[in-house]
Amino acid sequence: MTKSSTNPKVDFYFIKAKKWKKELEQLRTIILTTGLTEELKWGVPCYTLQKKNVVLIHAFKEYCAILFMKGALLKDSKGILIQQTENVQSARQIRFTSAAEIVKMKRLIKAYIKEAVEVEQSGLKLSFKKNTQLKFSEEFQNKLDENRALKTAFSALTPGRQRAYNLYFSAPKQSKTREARIEKYVKQILNGKGLND
């Protein structure tokens, strides 16, 4: 594998990192030995092959990780790939909680990246399951039932916008919080806008 060079636009991500700084830098060093191009996408380091996203690095409170964009297509012979949430269909993570763990897994990480590159080069694609039936929170379903205009406007939104609203409205544990979120976005839905429009 050919060694890649660092991208100055990405340096800030590693400089500003407080937690997982050493681990993130180790992951960067490993990935740069694979010949992938380092870019900044979604505010995180993303490594591409001929402009196609292969793997990215990201950090969370409990762990840092590398995420394979087409991870569901990897063999995962060691059973280390994690599906972040049930809504994520293609991407898979390898999570880390220490620098020692990354050092120990260095060869394995490279092997998984090599396989991810091979998947990308082969042109393999994942067939996504269509989620035609959204399950709404009780609060949102009640709101749709009592407001016909809202129901019509929501139905007219694209499936992606509908899913985004549904995930956002369903996320809070408390009913009061779910209701507040719904109320806040009724007007936006009636105007045919998505959650982030």
N, C-alpha and C. Protein backbone atom coordinates (compact mmCIF):
# COMPACT_ATOMS: atom_id res chain seq x y z
N MET A 1 0.84 -1.19 0.00
CA MET A 1 0.00 0.00 0.00
C MET A 1 0.88 1.25 0.00
N THR A 2 0.43 2.24 -0.70
CA THR A 2 1.16 3.49 -0.80
C THR A 2 0.82 4.40 0.37
N LYS A 3 1.81 5.09 0.88
CA LYS A 3 1.58 6.03 1.98
C LYS A 3 1.00 7.33 1.44
N SER A 4 -0.01 7.84 2.12
CA SER A 4 -0.64 9.11 1.72
C SER A 4 -0.08 10.24 2.57
N SER A 5 -0.32 11.45 2.11
CA SER A 5 0.13 12.60 2.90
C SER A 5 -1.05 13.21 3.65
N THR A 6 -0.72 13.94 4.71
CA THR A 6 -1.76 14.59 5.50
C THR A 6 -2.31 15.77 4.71
N ASN A 7 -3.55 16.11 5.02
CA ASN A 7 -4.21 17.23 4.37
C ASN A 7 -4.26 18.36 5.40
N PRO A 8 -3.65 19.53 5.11
CA PRO A 8 -3.64 20.63 6.07
C PRO A 8 -5.04 21.07 6.52
N LYS A 9 -6.05 20.88 5.66
CA LYS A 9 -7.42 21.26 6.03
C LYS A 9 -7.97 20.36 7.14
N VAL A 10 -7.36 19.20 7.30
CA VAL A 10 -7.84 18.23 8.30
C VAL A 10 -7.09 18.39 9.63
N ASP A 11 -5.93 19.02 9.59
CA ASP A 11 -5.09 19.13 10.79
C ASP A 11 -5.85 19.69 11.99
N PHE A 12 -6.74 20.68 11.75
CA PHE A 12 -7.42 21.32 12.87
C PHE A 12 -8.21 20.31 13.70
N TYR A 13 -8.77 19.28 13.05
CA TYR A 13 -9.56 18.28 13.77
C TYR A 13 -8.71 17.61 14.85
N PHE A 14 -7.48 17.29 14.50
CA PHE A 14 -6.60 16.61 15.45
C PHE A 14 -6.03 17.59 16.48
N ILE A 15 -5.83 18.83 16.08
CA ILE A 15 -5.31 19.86 17.00
C ILE A 15 -6.35 20.18 18.06
N LYS A 16 -7.62 20.33 17.66
CA LYS A 16 -8.67 20.72 18.62
C LYS A 16 -9.14 19.57 19.52
N ALA A 17 -8.80 18.33 19.15
CA ALA A 17 -9.26 17.18 19.93
C ALA A 17 -8.72 17.25 21.35
N LYS A 18 -9.61 17.10 22.31
CA LYS A 18 -9.19 17.08 23.70
C LYS A 18 -9.16 15.63 24.18
N LYS A 19 -10.32 15.00 24.15
CA LYS A 19 -10.40 13.60 24.52
C LYS A 19 -10.03 12.76 23.30
N TRP A 20 -9.35 11.67 23.52
CA TRP A 20 -8.96 10.72 22.47
C TRP A 20 -7.90 11.27 21.52
N LYS A 21 -7.20 12.35 21.87
CA LYS A 21 -6.21 12.97 20.99
C LYS A 21 -5.17 11.96 20.49
N LYS A 22 -4.55 11.24 21.41
CA LYS A 22 -3.51 10.28 21.04
C LYS A 22 -4.08 9.17 20.16
N GLU A 23 -5.26 8.68 20.53
CA GLU A 23 -5.90 7.60 19.77
C GLU A 23 -6.26 8.04 18.36
N LEU A 24 -6.81 9.24 18.23
CA LEU A 24 -7.19 9.77 16.91
C LEU A 24 -5.97 9.92 16.01
N GLU A 25 -4.88 10.42 16.60
CA GLU A 25 -3.64 10.59 15.81
C GLU A 25 -3.08 9.23 15.38
N GLN A 26 -3.20 8.23 16.25
CA GLN A 26 -2.75 6.88 15.87
C GLN A 26 -3.58 6.33 14.71
N LEU A 27 -4.89 6.52 14.78
CA LEU A 27 -5.76 6.04 13.70
C LEU A 27 -5.42 6.75 12.39
N ARG A 28 -5.16 8.04 12.48
CA ARG A 28 -4.79 8.81 11.28
C ARG A 28 -3.52 8.24 10.66
N THR A 29 -2.52 8.00 11.49
CA THR A 29 -1.25 7.46 11.00
C THR A 29 -1.44 6.12 10.32
N ILE A 30 -2.24 5.26 10.91
CA ILE A 30 -2.51 3.94 10.32
C ILE A 30 -3.21 4.08 8.97
N ILE A 31 -4.26 4.89 8.93
CA ILE A 31 -5.05 5.03 7.69
C ILE A 31 -4.22 5.66 6.58
N LEU A 32 -3.33 6.58 6.93
CA LEU A 32 -2.51 7.24 5.91
C LEU A 32 -1.51 6.28 5.26
N THR A 33 -1.29 5.10 5.85
CA THR A 33 -0.39 4.11 5.23
C THR A 33 -1.10 3.28 4.17
N THR A 34 -2.42 3.51 3.99
CA THR A 34 -3.20 2.66 3.08
C THR A 34 -3.35 3.24 1.67
N GLY A 35 -2.86 4.46 1.45
CA GLY A 35 -2.96 5.06 0.12
C GLY A 35 -4.25 5.82 -0.13
N LEU A 36 -5.13 5.89 0.85
CA LEU A 36 -6.37 6.65 0.70
C LEU A 36 -6.08 8.15 0.80
N THR A 37 -6.94 8.97 0.22
CA THR A 37 -6.78 10.41 0.24
C THR A 37 -7.51 10.99 1.44
N GLU A 38 -6.81 11.83 2.20
CA GLU A 38 -7.40 12.43 3.39
C GLU A 38 -8.16 13.70 3.02
N GLU A 39 -9.44 13.76 3.43
CA GLU A 39 -10.29 14.92 3.18
C GLU A 39 -11.05 15.26 4.44
N LEU A 40 -11.68 16.41 4.45
CA LEU A 40 -12.52 16.82 5.57
C LEU A 40 -13.97 16.80 5.07
N LYS A 41 -14.79 15.93 5.66
CA LYS A 41 -16.21 15.85 5.30
C LYS A 41 -17.01 15.72 6.58
N TRP A 42 -18.12 16.42 6.65
CA TRP A 42 -18.97 16.41 7.84
C TRP A 42 -18.21 16.83 9.09
N GLY A 43 -17.14 17.61 8.90
CA GLY A 43 -16.35 18.10 10.02
C GLY A 43 -15.40 17.07 10.63
N VAL A 44 -15.24 15.92 9.96
CA VAL A 44 -14.33 14.87 10.46
C VAL A 44 -13.42 14.39 9.34
N PRO A 45 -12.29 13.76 9.69
CA PRO A 45 -11.40 13.23 8.67
C PRO A 45 -12.07 12.07 7.92
N CYS A 46 -12.10 12.16 6.62
CA CYS A 46 -12.69 11.13 5.77
C CYS A 46 -11.63 10.71 4.76
N TYR A 47 -11.52 9.42 4.53
CA TYR A 47 -10.48 8.89 3.65
C TYR A 47 -11.16 8.28 2.43
N THR A 48 -10.73 8.75 1.25
CA THR A 48 -11.43 8.42 0.02
C THR A 48 -10.53 7.70 -0.98
N LEU A 49 -11.20 7.01 -1.92
CA LEU A 49 -10.54 6.36 -3.03
C LEU A 49 -11.24 6.86 -4.28
N GLN A 50 -10.53 7.61 -5.10
CA GLN A 50 -11.09 8.20 -6.32
C GLN A 50 -12.42 8.91 -6.02
N LYS A 51 -12.37 9.76 -5.01
CA LYS A 51 -13.50 10.61 -4.58
C LYS A 51 -14.65 9.84 -3.92
N LYS A 52 -14.50 8.55 -3.68
CA LYS A 52 -15.53 7.75 -3.01
C LYS A 52 -15.12 7.55 -1.55
N ASN A 53 -16.04 7.81 -0.64
CA ASN A 53 -15.76 7.69 0.80
C ASN A 53 -15.59 6.23 1.18
N VAL A 54 -14.48 5.93 1.87
CA VAL A 54 -14.20 4.56 2.28
C VAL A 54 -14.29 4.43 3.80
N VAL A 55 -13.60 5.31 4.51
CA VAL A 55 -13.55 5.21 5.97
C VAL A 55 -13.40 6.61 6.56
N LEU A 56 -13.93 6.81 7.75
CA LEU A 56 -13.72 8.08 8.43
C LEU A 56 -13.40 7.84 9.89
N ILE A 57 -12.87 8.87 10.53
CA ILE A 57 -12.52 8.82 11.95
C ILE A 57 -13.47 9.74 12.68
N HIS A 58 -14.02 9.29 13.80
CA HIS A 58 -14.82 10.18 14.62
C HIS A 58 -14.72 9.80 16.09
N ALA A 59 -15.05 10.76 16.94
CA ALA A 59 -14.91 10.56 18.38
C ALA A 59 -16.22 10.87 19.08
N PHE A 60 -16.47 10.11 20.11
CA PHE A 60 -17.65 10.29 20.94
C PHE A 60 -17.20 10.36 22.39
N LYS A 61 -18.13 10.56 23.29
CA LYS A 61 -17.81 10.67 24.71
C LYS A 61 -17.17 9.38 25.23
N GLU A 62 -17.75 8.25 24.88
CA GLU A 62 -17.32 6.96 25.43
C GLU A 62 -16.23 6.25 24.63
N TYR A 63 -16.01 6.66 23.38
CA TYR A 63 -15.06 5.96 22.53
C TYR A 63 -14.71 6.81 21.31
N CYS A 64 -13.65 6.40 20.62
CA CYS A 64 -13.37 6.95 19.29
C CYS A 64 -13.49 5.77 18.33
N ALA A 65 -13.62 6.05 17.05
CA ALA A 65 -13.88 4.95 16.12
C ALA A 65 -13.44 5.27 14.72
N ILE A 66 -13.27 4.21 13.94
CA ILE A 66 -13.19 4.35 12.50
C ILE A 66 -14.48 3.77 11.96
N LEU A 67 -15.04 4.43 10.96
CA LEU A 67 -16.32 4.01 10.41
C LEU A 67 -16.13 3.66 8.94
N PHE A 68 -16.51 2.46 8.59
CA PHE A 68 -16.43 2.00 7.21
C PHE A 68 -17.76 2.30 6.53
N MET A 69 -17.72 3.09 5.48
CA MET A 69 -18.95 3.54 4.82
C MET A 69 -19.78 2.37 4.28
N LYS A 70 -19.11 1.34 3.79
CA LYS A 70 -19.80 0.14 3.29
C LYS A 70 -19.47 -1.06 4.18
N GLY A 71 -19.41 -0.81 5.48
CA GLY A 71 -19.03 -1.84 6.44
C GLY A 71 -19.90 -3.08 6.42
N ALA A 72 -21.16 -2.93 6.07
CA ALA A 72 -22.07 -4.08 6.03
C ALA A 72 -21.65 -5.09 4.96
N LEU A 73 -20.84 -4.65 4.00
CA LEU A 73 -20.38 -5.54 2.93
C LEU A 73 -19.05 -6.23 3.27
N LEU A 74 -18.44 -5.86 4.39
CA LEU A 74 -17.18 -6.49 4.79
C LEU A 74 -17.46 -7.85 5.44
N LYS A 75 -16.51 -8.77 5.32
CA LYS A 75 -16.70 -10.12 5.88
C LYS A 75 -16.75 -10.11 7.40
N ASP A 76 -15.99 -9.21 8.04
CA ASP A 76 -15.92 -9.09 9.50
C ASP A 76 -15.60 -10.43 10.15
N SER A 77 -14.53 -11.05 9.71
CA SER A 77 -14.13 -12.37 10.20
C SER A 77 -13.85 -12.38 11.71
N LYS A 78 -13.49 -11.24 12.27
CA LYS A 78 -13.19 -11.17 13.71
C LYS A 78 -14.39 -10.69 14.53
N GLY A 79 -15.48 -10.37 13.86
CA GLY A 79 -16.70 -9.96 14.58
C GLY A 79 -16.54 -8.67 15.38
N ILE A 80 -15.79 -7.71 14.83
CA ILE A 80 -15.52 -6.47 15.58
C ILE A 80 -16.30 -5.26 15.06
N LEU A 81 -17.01 -5.41 13.96
CA LEU A 81 -17.75 -4.28 13.40
C LEU A 81 -19.07 -4.08 14.15
N ILE A 82 -19.37 -2.81 14.41
CA ILE A 82 -20.57 -2.45 15.18
C ILE A 82 -21.47 -1.58 14.33
N GLN A 83 -22.76 -1.91 14.36
CA GLN A 83 -23.77 -1.08 13.71
C GLN A 83 -24.19 -0.03 14.73
N GLN A 84 -23.96 1.26 14.43
CA GLN A 84 -24.20 2.34 15.39
C GLN A 84 -25.61 2.34 15.94
N THR A 85 -26.60 2.34 15.07
CA THR A 85 -28.00 2.29 15.48
C THR A 85 -28.74 1.39 14.50
N GLU A 86 -29.96 1.01 14.83
CA GLU A 86 -30.73 0.14 13.94
C GLU A 86 -31.09 0.82 12.62
N ASN A 87 -31.02 2.15 12.59
CA ASN A 87 -31.36 2.88 11.37
C ASN A 87 -30.19 2.96 10.38
N VAL A 88 -28.98 2.65 10.83
CA VAL A 88 -27.81 2.68 9.96
C VAL A 88 -27.76 1.36 9.19
N GLN A 89 -27.84 1.45 7.87
CA GLN A 89 -27.88 0.23 7.07
C GLN A 89 -26.53 -0.20 6.54
N SER A 90 -25.70 0.73 6.11
CA SER A 90 -24.46 0.38 5.43
C SER A 90 -23.21 0.49 6.31
N ALA A 91 -23.07 1.59 7.03
CA ALA A 91 -21.83 1.87 7.76
C ALA A 91 -21.68 0.97 8.99
N ARG A 92 -20.41 0.68 9.32
CA ARG A 92 -20.07 -0.09 10.52
C ARG A 92 -18.82 0.51 11.14
N GLN A 93 -18.72 0.44 12.46
CA GLN A 93 -17.60 1.01 13.20
C GLN A 93 -16.72 -0.06 13.82
N ILE A 94 -15.46 0.32 14.05
CA ILE A 94 -14.61 -0.38 15.01
C ILE A 94 -14.34 0.66 16.08
N ARG A 95 -14.69 0.35 17.32
CA ARG A 95 -14.56 1.30 18.42
C ARG A 95 -13.30 1.02 19.24
N PHE A 96 -12.75 2.12 19.79
CA PHE A 96 -11.54 2.03 20.60
C PHE A 96 -11.69 2.87 21.86
N THR A 97 -11.11 2.38 22.94
CA THR A 97 -11.14 3.13 24.20
C THR A 97 -9.75 3.35 24.78
N SER A 98 -8.71 2.95 24.03
CA SER A 98 -7.34 3.21 24.50
C SER A 98 -6.35 3.16 23.34
N ALA A 99 -5.24 3.83 23.54
CA ALA A 99 -4.17 3.83 22.53
C ALA A 99 -3.57 2.43 22.42
N ALA A 100 -3.46 1.73 23.54
CA ALA A 100 -2.88 0.38 23.55
C ALA A 100 -3.71 -0.57 22.68
N GLU A 101 -5.01 -0.40 22.74
CA GLU A 101 -5.92 -1.23 21.95
C GLU A 101 -5.67 -1.02 20.45
N ILE A 102 -5.44 0.23 20.05
CA ILE A 102 -5.18 0.54 18.64
C ILE A 102 -3.85 -0.07 18.20
N VAL A 103 -2.84 0.05 19.03
CA VAL A 103 -1.53 -0.53 18.71
C VAL A 103 -1.66 -2.03 18.52
N LYS A 104 -2.37 -2.67 19.42
CA LYS A 104 -2.56 -4.12 19.37
C LYS A 104 -3.31 -4.55 18.11
N MET A 105 -4.22 -3.71 17.64
CA MET A 105 -5.07 -4.06 16.50
C MET A 105 -4.59 -3.48 15.17
N LYS A 106 -3.41 -2.89 15.15
CA LYS A 106 -2.93 -2.18 13.96
C LYS A 106 -3.01 -3.03 12.69
N ARG A 107 -2.52 -4.24 12.73
CA ARG A 107 -2.53 -5.10 11.53
C ARG A 107 -3.97 -5.44 11.11
N LEU A 108 -4.81 -5.67 12.09
CA LEU A 108 -6.21 -6.00 11.82
C LEU A 108 -6.94 -4.80 11.20
N ILE A 109 -6.67 -3.60 11.74
CA ILE A 109 -7.28 -2.38 11.20
C ILE A 109 -6.89 -2.22 9.73
N LYS A 110 -5.61 -2.42 9.43
CA LYS A 110 -5.14 -2.31 8.04
C LYS A 110 -5.80 -3.35 7.15
N ALA A 111 -6.00 -4.56 7.66
CA ALA A 111 -6.64 -5.62 6.88
C ALA A 111 -8.09 -5.25 6.56
N TYR A 112 -8.79 -4.69 7.54
CA TYR A 112 -10.17 -4.27 7.32
C TYR A 112 -10.23 -3.12 6.31
N ILE A 113 -9.29 -2.18 6.40
CA ILE A 113 -9.25 -1.06 5.44
C ILE A 113 -8.96 -1.60 4.04
N LYS A 114 -8.03 -2.54 3.94
CA LYS A 114 -7.70 -3.14 2.64
C LYS A 114 -8.95 -3.78 2.04
N GLU A 115 -9.71 -4.50 2.85
CA GLU A 115 -10.94 -5.13 2.35
C GLU A 115 -11.95 -4.07 1.92
N ALA A 116 -12.05 -2.98 2.69
CA ALA A 116 -12.98 -1.90 2.36
C ALA A 116 -12.60 -1.26 1.02
N VAL A 117 -11.30 -1.12 0.76
CA VAL A 117 -10.82 -0.59 -0.52
C VAL A 117 -11.20 -1.56 -1.65
N GLU A 118 -11.02 -2.85 -1.41
CA GLU A 118 -11.37 -3.86 -2.42
C GLU A 118 -12.87 -3.82 -2.73
N VAL A 119 -13.70 -3.65 -1.70
CA VAL A 119 -15.15 -3.55 -1.89
C VAL A 119 -15.46 -2.33 -2.76
N GLU A 120 -14.80 -1.21 -2.47
CA GLU A 120 -15.04 0.01 -3.25
C GLU A 120 -14.58 -0.17 -4.69
N GLN A 121 -13.42 -0.77 -4.89
CA GLN A 121 -12.90 -0.98 -6.24
C GLN A 121 -13.77 -1.93 -7.05
N SER A 122 -14.39 -2.89 -6.38
CA SER A 122 -15.23 -3.87 -7.08
C SER A 122 -16.56 -3.29 -7.52
N GLY A 123 -16.93 -2.12 -6.94
CA GLY A 123 -18.19 -1.50 -7.30
C GLY A 123 -19.40 -2.09 -6.58
N LEU A 124 -19.15 -2.95 -5.59
CA LEU A 124 -20.26 -3.54 -4.83
C LEU A 124 -21.12 -2.46 -4.20
N LYS A 125 -22.41 -2.70 -4.20
CA LYS A 125 -23.35 -1.75 -3.59
C LYS A 125 -24.28 -2.52 -2.67
N LEU A 126 -24.72 -1.85 -1.63
CA LEU A 126 -25.66 -2.44 -0.69
C LEU A 126 -27.07 -2.08 -1.13
N SER A 127 -27.96 -3.06 -1.14
CA SER A 127 -29.35 -2.70 -1.45
C SER A 127 -30.03 -2.33 -0.14
N PHE A 128 -30.47 -1.08 -0.09
CA PHE A 128 -31.07 -0.55 1.12
C PHE A 128 -32.51 -1.02 1.26
N LYS A 129 -32.87 -1.35 2.50
CA LYS A 129 -34.26 -1.71 2.80
C LYS A 129 -35.07 -0.42 2.81
N LYS A 130 -36.20 -0.46 2.17
CA LYS A 130 -37.07 0.72 2.20
C LYS A 130 -37.96 0.62 3.42
N ASN A 131 -37.91 1.67 4.20
CA ASN A 131 -38.77 1.73 5.37
C ASN A 131 -40.02 2.49 4.97
N THR A 132 -40.99 1.73 4.48
CA THR A 132 -42.19 2.39 3.97
C THR A 132 -43.15 2.78 5.09
N GLN A 133 -43.08 2.10 6.19
CA GLN A 133 -44.02 2.38 7.28
C GLN A 133 -43.26 2.95 8.48
N LEU A 134 -43.47 4.23 8.74
CA LEU A 134 -42.86 4.86 9.91
C LEU A 134 -43.73 4.60 11.14
N LYS A 135 -43.08 4.36 12.26
CA LYS A 135 -43.82 4.19 13.51
C LYS A 135 -43.66 5.49 14.30
N PHE A 136 -44.77 6.20 14.48
CA PHE A 136 -44.74 7.50 15.14
C PHE A 136 -44.92 7.36 16.64
N SER A 137 -44.40 8.36 17.36
CA SER A 137 -44.67 8.43 18.79
C SER A 137 -46.16 8.70 18.97
N GLU A 138 -46.68 8.32 20.12
CA GLU A 138 -48.11 8.54 20.40
C GLU A 138 -48.47 10.02 20.27
N GLU A 139 -47.58 10.89 20.75
CA GLU A 139 -47.83 12.33 20.71
C GLU A 139 -47.94 12.85 19.28
N PHE A 140 -47.05 12.38 18.41
CA PHE A 140 -47.08 12.85 17.03
C PHE A 140 -48.28 12.28 16.29
N GLN A 141 -48.59 11.02 16.53
CA GLN A 141 -49.75 10.41 15.89
C GLN A 141 -51.03 11.14 16.29
N ASN A 142 -51.15 11.49 17.57
CA ASN A 142 -52.32 12.24 18.04
C ASN A 142 -52.42 13.60 17.34
N LYS A 143 -51.27 14.26 17.19
CA LYS A 143 -51.23 15.58 16.54
C LYS A 143 -51.66 15.45 15.08
N LEU A 144 -51.20 14.41 14.40
CA LEU A 144 -51.58 14.19 12.99
C LEU A 144 -53.07 13.89 12.88
N ASP A 145 -53.59 13.11 13.83
CA ASP A 145 -55.01 12.75 13.82
C ASP A 145 -55.92 13.96 14.05
N GLU A 146 -55.48 14.88 14.89
CA GLU A 146 -56.33 16.04 15.21
C GLU A 146 -56.16 17.21 14.25
N ASN A 147 -55.10 17.19 13.43
CA ASN A 147 -54.83 18.31 12.52
C ASN A 147 -54.67 17.77 11.09
N ARG A 148 -55.76 17.81 10.34
CA ARG A 148 -55.76 17.26 8.98
C ARG A 148 -54.75 17.97 8.06
N ALA A 149 -54.63 19.28 8.20
CA ALA A 149 -53.68 20.05 7.37
C ALA A 149 -52.24 19.60 7.65
N LEU A 150 -51.95 19.35 8.92
CA LEU A 150 -50.61 18.88 9.29
C LEU A 150 -50.35 17.51 8.69
N LYS A 151 -51.33 16.63 8.77
CA LYS A 151 -51.19 15.28 8.22
C LYS A 151 -50.93 15.34 6.71
N THR A 152 -51.67 16.19 6.01
CA THR A 152 -51.50 16.34 4.56
C THR A 152 -50.11 16.90 4.24
N ALA A 153 -49.70 17.93 4.98
CA ALA A 153 -48.39 18.55 4.75
C ALA A 153 -47.26 17.56 5.04
N PHE A 154 -47.41 16.79 6.12
CA PHE A 154 -46.38 15.80 6.47
C PHE A 154 -46.28 14.73 5.39
N SER A 155 -47.42 14.27 4.90
CA SER A 155 -47.45 13.24 3.84
C SER A 155 -46.80 13.74 2.55
N ALA A 156 -46.85 15.05 2.31
CA ALA A 156 -46.27 15.63 1.10
C ALA A 156 -44.75 15.77 1.17
N LEU A 157 -44.18 15.65 2.38
CA LEU A 157 -42.72 15.76 2.53
C LEU A 157 -42.04 14.54 1.91
N THR A 158 -40.78 14.70 1.55
CA THR A 158 -40.02 13.57 1.02
C THR A 158 -39.84 12.53 2.12
N PRO A 159 -39.64 11.26 1.77
CA PRO A 159 -39.46 10.22 2.79
C PRO A 159 -38.30 10.52 3.75
N GLY A 160 -37.24 11.11 3.24
CA GLY A 160 -36.09 11.46 4.09
C GLY A 160 -36.45 12.50 5.13
N ARG A 161 -37.22 13.51 4.72
CA ARG A 161 -37.65 14.55 5.66
C ARG A 161 -38.62 13.97 6.68
N GLN A 162 -39.49 13.08 6.24
CA GLN A 162 -40.41 12.43 7.18
C GLN A 162 -39.63 11.63 8.23
N ARG A 163 -38.64 10.87 7.78
CA ARG A 163 -37.83 10.06 8.72
C ARG A 163 -37.09 10.97 9.70
N ALA A 164 -36.53 12.06 9.19
CA ALA A 164 -35.78 12.98 10.07
C ALA A 164 -36.67 13.54 11.16
N TYR A 165 -37.85 13.99 10.80
CA TYR A 165 -38.79 14.49 11.80
C TYR A 165 -39.17 13.38 12.78
N ASN A 166 -39.49 12.22 12.25
CA ASN A 166 -39.93 11.13 13.10
C ASN A 166 -38.85 10.73 14.11
N LEU A 167 -37.62 10.64 13.67
CA LEU A 167 -36.52 10.31 14.59
C LEU A 167 -36.36 11.40 15.65
N TYR A 168 -36.44 12.65 15.23
CA TYR A 168 -36.28 13.77 16.15
C TYR A 168 -37.42 13.82 17.17
N PHE A 169 -38.64 13.61 16.70
CA PHE A 169 -39.80 13.65 17.60
C PHE A 169 -39.84 12.45 18.54
N SER A 170 -39.35 11.31 18.12
CA SER A 170 -39.42 10.09 18.92
C SER A 170 -38.28 9.93 19.92
N ALA A 171 -37.21 10.67 19.74
CA ALA A 171 -36.00 10.46 20.54
C ALA A 171 -36.15 10.72 22.04
N PRO A 172 -36.80 11.80 22.48
CA PRO A 172 -36.85 12.07 23.92
C PRO A 172 -37.62 10.99 24.69
N LYS A 173 -37.18 10.77 25.92
CA LYS A 173 -37.83 9.77 26.78
C LYS A 173 -39.12 10.30 27.39
N GLN A 174 -39.16 11.59 27.64
CA GLN A 174 -40.33 12.17 28.29
C GLN A 174 -41.34 12.67 27.26
N SER A 175 -42.61 12.38 27.54
CA SER A 175 -43.71 12.78 26.67
C SER A 175 -43.75 14.30 26.49
N LYS A 176 -43.51 15.02 27.58
CA LYS A 176 -43.55 16.49 27.56
C LYS A 176 -42.52 17.04 26.56
N THR A 177 -41.35 16.45 26.53
CA THR A 177 -40.29 16.90 25.61
C THR A 177 -40.68 16.57 24.17
N ARG A 178 -41.25 15.37 23.95
CA ARG A 178 -41.69 15.01 22.60
C ARG A 178 -42.75 16.01 22.11
N GLU A 179 -43.72 16.33 22.98
CA GLU A 179 -44.77 17.28 22.60
C GLU A 179 -44.20 18.66 22.27
N ALA A 180 -43.22 19.10 23.06
CA ALA A 180 -42.61 20.42 22.83
C ALA A 180 -41.90 20.45 21.47
N ARG A 181 -41.20 19.38 21.15
CA ARG A 181 -40.52 19.31 19.85
C ARG A 181 -41.53 19.36 18.70
N ILE A 182 -42.60 18.62 18.83
CA ILE A 182 -43.62 18.59 17.78
C ILE A 182 -44.21 19.98 17.58
N GLU A 183 -44.60 20.63 18.68
CA GLU A 183 -45.20 21.98 18.61
C GLU A 183 -44.26 22.97 17.92
N LYS A 184 -42.98 22.86 18.23
CA LYS A 184 -41.99 23.78 17.68
C LYS A 184 -41.91 23.69 16.15
N TYR A 185 -42.19 22.50 15.59
CA TYR A 185 -41.99 22.30 14.15
C TYR A 185 -43.27 22.19 13.33
N VAL A 186 -44.44 22.35 13.95
CA VAL A 186 -45.70 22.27 13.21
C VAL A 186 -45.72 23.26 12.04
N LYS A 187 -45.39 24.50 12.31
CA LYS A 187 -45.43 25.54 11.27
C LYS A 187 -44.47 25.21 10.13
N GLN A 188 -43.30 24.70 10.48
CA GLN A 188 -42.30 24.36 9.46
C GLN A 188 -42.81 23.23 8.56
N ILE A 189 -43.47 22.23 9.15
CA ILE A 189 -44.04 21.14 8.37
C ILE A 189 -45.14 21.67 7.46
N LEU A 190 -46.00 22.53 8.02
CA LEU A 190 -47.10 23.12 7.22
C LEU A 190 -46.56 23.93 6.04
N ASN A 191 -45.35 24.47 6.19
CA ASN A 191 -44.72 25.23 5.09
C ASN A 191 -43.93 24.34 4.13
N GLY A 192 -44.00 23.01 4.35
CA GLY A 192 -43.34 22.07 3.45
C GLY A 192 -41.84 21.98 3.62
N LYS A 193 -41.36 22.39 4.78
CA LYS A 193 -39.91 22.41 5.03
C LYS A 193 -39.48 21.20 5.85
N GLY A 194 -38.24 20.79 5.64
CA GLY A 194 -37.66 19.71 6.42
C GLY A 194 -37.13 20.21 7.75
N LEU A 195 -36.70 19.31 8.58
CA LEU A 195 -36.20 19.62 9.92
C LEU A 195 -35.08 20.64 9.90
N ASN A 196 -34.16 20.53 8.93
CA ASN A 196 -32.99 21.42 8.90
C ASN A 196 -33.05 22.47 7.79
N ASP A 197 -34.22 22.68 7.22
CA ASP A 197 -34.35 23.69 6.14
C ASP A 197 -34.43 25.09 6.70
